[in-house]
Amino acid sequence: MAKILQFPSRIELDKGSRMITLNETLDEVELQLSMAMQELDMLNEEIVILTNDYNRILNELKDLVMQE
């Protein structure tokens, strides 16, 4: 005897379609978040370098002022 196949209902199809859409959107957001985190890391490195330069220049200026 042949087995009867149950076709998914419209609700199940809509739910499956929605799940696919949400998963694709989640992947896109995850990629954008990863890129933003990489940009943030680069900015943090630049801030550290600029802060070190600022402190070095400030100390040099202070030393020059104290010599007078």
PDB file of N, CA and C in Angstrom:
ATOM      1  N   MET A   1       0.841  -1.182   0.000  1.00  0.00           N
ATOM      2  CA  MET A   1       0.000   0.000   0.000  1.00  0.00           C
ATOM      3  C   MET A   1       0.885   1.243   0.000  1.00  0.00           C
ATOM      4  N   ALA A   2       0.544   2.231  -0.759  1.00  0.00           N
ATOM      5  CA  ALA A   2       1.330   3.455  -0.893  1.00  0.00           C
ATOM      6  C   ALA A   2       1.133   4.342   0.326  1.00  0.00           C
ATOM      7  N   LYS A   3       2.215   5.014   0.685  1.00  0.00           N
ATOM      8  CA  LYS A   3       2.158   5.932   1.815  1.00  0.00           C
ATOM      9  C   LYS A   3       1.600   7.273   1.339  1.00  0.00           C
ATOM     10  N   ILE A   4       0.702   7.846   2.101  1.00  0.00           N
ATOM     11  CA  ILE A   4       0.096   9.129   1.748  1.00  0.00           C
ATOM     12  C   ILE A   4       1.003  10.244   2.243  1.00  0.00           C
ATOM     13  N   LEU A   5       1.358  11.131   1.333  1.00  0.00           N
ATOM     14  CA  LEU A   5       2.202  12.270   1.679  1.00  0.00           C
ATOM     15  C   LEU A   5       1.329  13.423   2.138  1.00  0.00           C
ATOM     16  N   GLN A   6       1.729  14.029   3.227  1.00  0.00           N
ATOM     17  CA  GLN A   6       1.011  15.205   3.733  1.00  0.00           C
ATOM     18  C   GLN A   6       1.716  16.457   3.224  1.00  0.00           C
ATOM     19  N   PHE A   7       1.006  17.253   2.480  1.00  0.00           N
ATOM     20  CA  PHE A   7       1.564  18.514   2.006  1.00  0.00           C
ATOM     21  C   PHE A   7       1.457  19.546   3.121  1.00  0.00           C
ATOM     22  N   PRO A   8       2.453  20.431   3.228  1.00  0.00           N
ATOM     23  CA  PRO A   8       2.386  21.455   4.283  1.00  0.00           C
ATOM     24  C   PRO A   8       1.219  22.408   4.055  1.00  0.00           C
ATOM     25  N   SER A   9       0.644  22.835   5.157  1.00  0.00           N
ATOM     26  CA  SER A   9      -0.467  23.785   5.065  1.00  0.00           C
ATOM     27  C   SER A   9       0.081  25.166   4.710  1.00  0.00           C
ATOM     28  N   ARG A  10      -0.812  26.073   4.357  1.00  0.00           N
ATOM     29  CA  ARG A  10      -0.403  27.440   4.024  1.00  0.00           C
ATOM     30  C   ARG A  10       0.293  28.097   5.225  1.00  0.00           C
ATOM     31  N   ILE A  11      -0.189  27.835   6.424  1.00  0.00           N
ATOM     32  CA  ILE A  11       0.430  28.416   7.636  1.00  0.00           C
ATOM     33  C   ILE A  11       1.849  27.899   7.792  1.00  0.00           C
ATOM     34  N   GLU A  12       2.042  26.607   7.579  1.00  0.00           N
ATOM     35  CA  GLU A  12       3.385  26.036   7.691  1.00  0.00           C
ATOM     36  C   GLU A  12       4.309  26.607   6.614  1.00  0.00           C
ATOM     37  N   LEU A  13       3.790  26.792   5.411  1.00  0.00           N
ATOM     38  CA  LEU A  13       4.587  27.392   4.342  1.00  0.00           C
ATOM     39  C   LEU A  13       4.964  28.822   4.683  1.00  0.00           C
ATOM     40  N   ASP A  14       4.007  29.603   5.192  1.00  0.00           N
ATOM     41  CA  ASP A  14       4.289  30.985   5.587  1.00  0.00           C
ATOM     42  C   ASP A  14       5.325  31.030   6.698  1.00  0.00           C
ATOM     43  N   LYS A  15       5.200  30.116   7.657  1.00  0.00           N
ATOM     44  CA  LYS A  15       6.156  30.072   8.772  1.00  0.00           C
ATOM     45  C   LYS A  15       7.553  29.725   8.252  1.00  0.00           C
ATOM     46  N   GLY A  16       7.621  28.759   7.343  1.00  0.00           N
ATOM     47  CA  GLY A  16       8.917  28.369   6.780  1.00  0.00           C
ATOM     48  C   GLY A  16       9.538  29.495   5.982  1.00  0.00           C
ATOM     49  N   SER A  17       8.730  30.181   5.200  1.00  0.00           N
ATOM     50  CA  SER A  17       9.214  31.310   4.416  1.00  0.00           C
ATOM     51  C   SER A  17       9.714  32.417   5.335  1.00  0.00           C
ATOM     52  N   ARG A  18       8.972  32.674   6.393  1.00  0.00           N
ATOM     53  CA  ARG A  18       9.363  33.719   7.361  1.00  0.00           C
ATOM     54  C   ARG A  18      10.676  33.343   8.039  1.00  0.00           C
ATOM     55  N   MET A  19      10.845  32.068   8.379  1.00  0.00           N
ATOM     56  CA  MET A  19      12.079  31.610   9.025  1.00  0.00           C
ATOM     57  C   MET A  19      13.275  31.800   8.088  1.00  0.00           C
ATOM     58  N   ILE A  20      13.082  31.497   6.810  1.00  0.00           N
ATOM     59  CA  ILE A  20      14.166  31.677   5.831  1.00  0.00           C
ATOM     60  C   ILE A  20      14.537  33.153   5.726  1.00  0.00           C
ATOM     61  N   THR A  21      13.517  34.004   5.634  1.00  0.00           N
ATOM     62  CA  THR A  21      13.758  35.446   5.537  1.00  0.00           C
ATOM     63  C   THR A  21      14.483  35.957   6.778  1.00  0.00           C
ATOM     64  N   LEU A  22      14.050  35.517   7.948  1.00  0.00           N
ATOM     65  CA  LEU A  22      14.685  35.963   9.193  1.00  0.00           C
ATOM     66  C   LEU A  22      16.129  35.480   9.279  1.00  0.00           C
ATOM     67  N   ASN A  23      16.390  34.257   8.853  1.00  0.00           N
ATOM     68  CA  ASN A  23      17.759  33.735   8.872  1.00  0.00           C
ATOM     69  C   ASN A  23      18.663  34.510   7.919  1.00  0.00           C
ATOM     70  N   GLU A  24      18.142  34.848   6.742  1.00  0.00           N
ATOM     71  CA  GLU A  24      18.932  35.629   5.793  1.00  0.00           C
ATOM     72  C   GLU A  24      19.220  37.025   6.343  1.00  0.00           C
ATOM     73  N   THR A  25      18.205  37.637   6.953  1.00  0.00           N
ATOM     74  CA  THR A  25      18.389  38.965   7.551  1.00  0.00           C
ATOM     75  C   THR A  25      19.381  38.899   8.697  1.00  0.00           C
ATOM     76  N   LEU A  26      19.292  37.854   9.498  1.00  0.00           N
ATOM     77  CA  LEU A  26      20.221  37.669  10.615  1.00  0.00           C
ATOM     78  C   LEU A  26      21.656  37.555  10.107  1.00  0.00           C
ATOM     79  N   ASP A  27      21.854  36.831   9.017  1.00  0.00           N
ATOM     80  CA  ASP A  27      23.195  36.703   8.430  1.00  0.00           C
ATOM     81  C   ASP A  27      23.732  38.062   7.973  1.00  0.00           C
ATOM     82  N   GLU A  28      22.864  38.859   7.350  1.00  0.00           N
ATOM     83  CA  GLU A  28      23.278  40.186   6.884  1.00  0.00           C
ATOM     84  C   GLU A  28      23.650  41.085   8.059  1.00  0.00           C
ATOM     85  N   VAL A  29      22.832  41.070   9.100  1.00  0.00           N
ATOM     86  CA  VAL A  29      23.101  41.911  10.270  1.00  0.00           C
ATOM     87  C   VAL A  29      24.385  41.453  10.959  1.00  0.00           C
ATOM     88  N   GLU A  30      24.595  40.152  11.025  1.00  0.00           N
ATOM     89  CA  GLU A  30      25.812  39.618  11.640  1.00  0.00           C
ATOM     90  C   GLU A  30      27.055  40.083  10.875  1.00  0.00           C
ATOM     91  N   LEU A  31      26.974  40.089   9.555  1.00  0.00           N
ATOM     92  CA  LEU A  31      28.094  40.557   8.736  1.00  0.00           C
ATOM     93  C   LEU A  31      28.351  42.041   8.967  1.00  0.00           C
ATOM     94  N   GLN A  32      27.284  42.842   8.997  1.00  0.00           N
ATOM     95  CA  GLN A  32      27.432  44.277   9.234  1.00  0.00           C
ATOM     96  C   GLN A  32      28.004  44.545  10.625  1.00  0.00           C
ATOM     97  N   LEU A  33      27.563  43.772  11.605  1.00  0.00           N
ATOM     98  CA  LEU A  33      28.083  43.925  12.967  1.00  0.00           C
ATOM     99  C   LEU A  33      29.565  43.590  13.017  1.00  0.00           C
ATOM    100  N   SER A  34      29.959  42.536  12.331  1.00  0.00           N
ATOM    101  CA  SER A  34      31.365  42.142  12.285  1.00  0.00           C
ATOM    102  C   SER A  34      32.216  43.243  11.652  1.00  0.00           C
ATOM    103  N   MET A  35      31.723  43.820  10.557  1.00  0.00           N
ATOM    104  CA  MET A  35      32.462  44.901   9.888  1.00  0.00           C
ATOM    105  C   MET A  35      32.561  46.126  10.797  1.00  0.00           C
ATOM    106  N   ALA A  36      31.485  46.457  11.496  1.00  0.00           N
ATOM    107  CA  ALA A  36      31.500  47.600  12.407  1.00  0.00           C
ATOM    108  C   ALA A  36      32.478  47.370  13.555  1.00  0.00           C
ATOM    109  N   MET A  37      32.551  46.142  14.047  1.00  0.00           N
ATOM    110  CA  MET A  37      33.489  45.828  15.133  1.00  0.00           C
ATOM    111  C   MET A  37      34.935  45.962  14.642  1.00  0.00           C
ATOM    112  N   GLN A  38      35.204  45.565  13.414  1.00  0.00           N
ATOM    113  CA  GLN A  38      36.551  45.717  12.861  1.00  0.00           C
ATOM    114  C   GLN A  38      36.906  47.194  12.723  1.00  0.00           C
ATOM    115  N   GLU A  39      35.952  47.996  12.265  1.00  0.00           N
ATOM    116  CA  GLU A  39      36.188  49.441  12.153  1.00  0.00           C
ATOM    117  C   GLU A  39      36.437  50.045  13.529  1.00  0.00           C
ATOM    118  N   LEU A  40      35.680  49.593  14.518  1.00  0.00           N
ATOM    119  CA  LEU A  40      35.855  50.086  15.884  1.00  0.00           C
ATOM    120  C   LEU A  40      37.238  49.736  16.418  1.00  0.00           C
ATOM    121  N   ASP A  41      37.702  48.522  16.138  1.00  0.00           N
ATOM    122  CA  ASP A  41      39.055  48.124  16.555  1.00  0.00           C
ATOM    123  C   ASP A  41      40.113  49.026  15.925  1.00  0.00           C
ATOM    124  N   MET A  42      39.949  49.332  14.638  1.00  0.00           N
ATOM    125  CA  MET A  42      40.915  50.211  13.964  1.00  0.00           C
ATOM    126  C   MET A  42      40.883  51.617  14.574  1.00  0.00           C
ATOM    127  N   LEU A  43      39.679  52.118  14.872  1.00  0.00           N
ATOM    128  CA  LEU A  43      39.567  53.443  15.488  1.00  0.00           C
ATOM    129  C   LEU A  43      40.197  53.460  16.878  1.00  0.00           C
ATOM    130  N   ASN A  44      39.996  52.397  17.636  1.00  0.00           N
ATOM    131  CA  ASN A  44      40.595  52.323  18.972  1.00  0.00           C
ATOM    132  C   ASN A  44      42.119  52.347  18.886  1.00  0.00           C
ATOM    133  N   GLU A  45      42.676  51.622  17.923  1.00  0.00           N
ATOM    134  CA  GLU A  45      44.126  51.635  17.747  1.00  0.00           C
ATOM    135  C   GLU A  45      44.611  53.038  17.387  1.00  0.00           C
ATOM    136  N   GLU A  46      43.880  53.719  16.516  1.00  0.00           N
ATOM    137  CA  GLU A  46      44.256  55.077  16.124  1.00  0.00           C
ATOM    138  C   GLU A  46      44.161  56.029  17.312  1.00  0.00           C
ATOM    139  N   ILE A  47      43.140  55.857  18.150  1.00  0.00           N
ATOM    140  CA  ILE A  47      42.982  56.707  19.337  1.00  0.00           C
ATOM    141  C   ILE A  47      44.143  56.503  20.293  1.00  0.00           C
ATOM    142  N   VAL A  48      44.587  55.270  20.467  1.00  0.00           N
ATOM    143  CA  VAL A  48      45.730  54.994  21.347  1.00  0.00           C
ATOM    144  C   VAL A  48      46.980  55.697  20.822  1.00  0.00           C
ATOM    145  N   ILE A  49      47.215  55.596  19.526  1.00  0.00           N
ATOM    146  CA  ILE A  49      48.389  56.240  18.921  1.00  0.00           C
ATOM    147  C   ILE A  49      48.312  57.759  19.079  1.00  0.00           C
ATOM    148  N   LEU A  50      47.148  58.339  18.793  1.00  0.00           N
ATOM    149  CA  LEU A  50      46.987  59.791  18.905  1.00  0.00           C
ATOM    150  C   LEU A  50      47.122  60.258  20.359  1.00  0.00           C
ATOM    151  N   THR A  51      46.599  59.472  21.280  1.00  0.00           N
ATOM    152  CA  THR A  51      46.718  59.826  22.698  1.00  0.00           C
ATOM    153  C   THR A  51      48.174  59.801  23.137  1.00  0.00           C
ATOM    154  N   ASN A  52      48.920  58.802  22.691  1.00  0.00           N
ATOM    155  CA  ASN A  52      50.348  58.731  23.026  1.00  0.00           C
ATOM    156  C   ASN A  52      51.104  59.920  22.434  1.00  0.00           C
ATOM    157  N   ASP A  53      50.804  60.262  21.187  1.00  0.00           N
ATOM    158  CA  ASP A  53      51.440  61.426  20.564  1.00  0.00           C
ATOM    159  C   ASP A  53      51.087  62.706  21.317  1.00  0.00           C
ATOM    160  N   TYR A  54      49.827  62.851  21.672  1.00  0.00           N
ATOM    161  CA  TYR A  54      49.369  64.034  22.404  1.00  0.00           C
ATOM    162  C   TYR A  54      50.129  64.169  23.723  1.00  0.00           C
ATOM    163  N   ASN A  55      50.229  63.069  24.463  1.00  0.00           N
ATOM    164  CA  ASN A  55      50.922  63.110  25.760  1.00  0.00           C
ATOM    165  C   ASN A  55      52.411  63.409  25.590  1.00  0.00           C
ATOM    166  N   ARG A  56      53.025  62.854  24.549  1.00  0.00           N
ATOM    167  CA  ARG A  56      54.439  63.116  24.295  1.00  0.00           C
ATOM    168  C   ARG A  56      54.661  64.599  23.985  1.00  0.00           C
ATOM    169  N   ILE A  57      53.813  65.174  23.132  1.00  0.00           N
ATOM    170  CA  ILE A  57      53.935  66.587  22.768  1.00  0.00           C
ATOM    171  C   ILE A  57      53.659  67.474  23.976  1.00  0.00           C
ATOM    172  N   LEU A  58      52.656  67.112  24.754  1.00  0.00           N
ATOM    173  CA  LEU A  58      52.331  67.892  25.950  1.00  0.00           C
ATOM    174  C   LEU A  58      53.481  67.882  26.947  1.00  0.00           C
ATOM    175  N   ASN A  59      54.094  66.733  27.136  1.00  0.00           N
ATOM    176  CA  ASN A  59      55.242  66.650  28.050  1.00  0.00           C
ATOM    177  C   ASN A  59      56.427  67.455  27.538  1.00  0.00           C
ATOM    178  N   GLU A  60      56.654  67.403  26.245  1.00  0.00           N
ATOM    179  CA  GLU A  60      57.750  68.182  25.663  1.00  0.00           C
ATOM    180  C   GLU A  60      57.490  69.683  25.844  1.00  0.00           C
ATOM    181  N   LEU A  61      56.248  70.091  25.603  1.00  0.00           N
ATOM    182  CA  LEU A  61      55.893  71.492  25.794  1.00  0.00           C
ATOM    183  C   LEU A  61      56.044  71.901  27.249  1.00  0.00           C
ATOM    184  N   LYS A  62      55.624  71.039  28.160  1.00  0.00           N
ATOM    185  CA  LYS A  62      55.758  71.328  29.571  1.00  0.00           C
ATOM    186  C   LYS A  62      57.229  71.496  29.946  1.00  0.00           C
ATOM    187  N   ASP A  63      58.070  70.620  29.458  1.00  0.00           N
ATOM    188  CA  ASP A  63      59.501  70.712  29.740  1.00  0.00           C
ATOM    189  C   ASP A  63      60.085  72.015  29.231  1.00  0.00           C
ATOM    190  N   LEU A  64      59.674  72.452  28.038  1.00  0.00           N
ATOM    191  CA  LEU A  64      60.150  73.721  27.492  1.00  0.00           C
ATOM    192  C   LEU A  64      59.692  74.920  28.337  1.00  0.00           C
ATOM    193  N   VAL A  65      58.466  74.873  28.795  1.00  0.00           N
ATOM    194  CA  VAL A  65      57.934  75.967  29.608  1.00  0.00           C
ATOM    195  C   VAL A  65      58.631  76.011  30.954  1.00  0.00           C
ATOM    196  N   MET A  66      58.930  74.859  31.537  1.00  0.00           N
ATOM    197  CA  MET A  66      59.577  74.803  32.852  1.00  0.00           C
ATOM    198  C   MET A  66      61.035  75.261  32.784  1.00  0.00           C
ATOM    199  N   GLN A  67      61.656  75.220  31.626  1.00  0.00           N
ATOM    200  CA  GLN A  67      63.052  75.646  31.493  1.00  0.00           C
ATOM    201  C   GLN A  67      63.162  77.164  31.535  1.00  0.00           C
ATOM    202  N   GLU A  68      62.095  77.846  31.223  1.00  0.00           N
ATOM    203  CA  GLU A  68      62.161  79.298  31.150  1.00  0.00           C
ATOM    204  C   GLU A  68      62.173  79.938  32.498  1.00  0.00           C
TER     205      GLU A  68
END
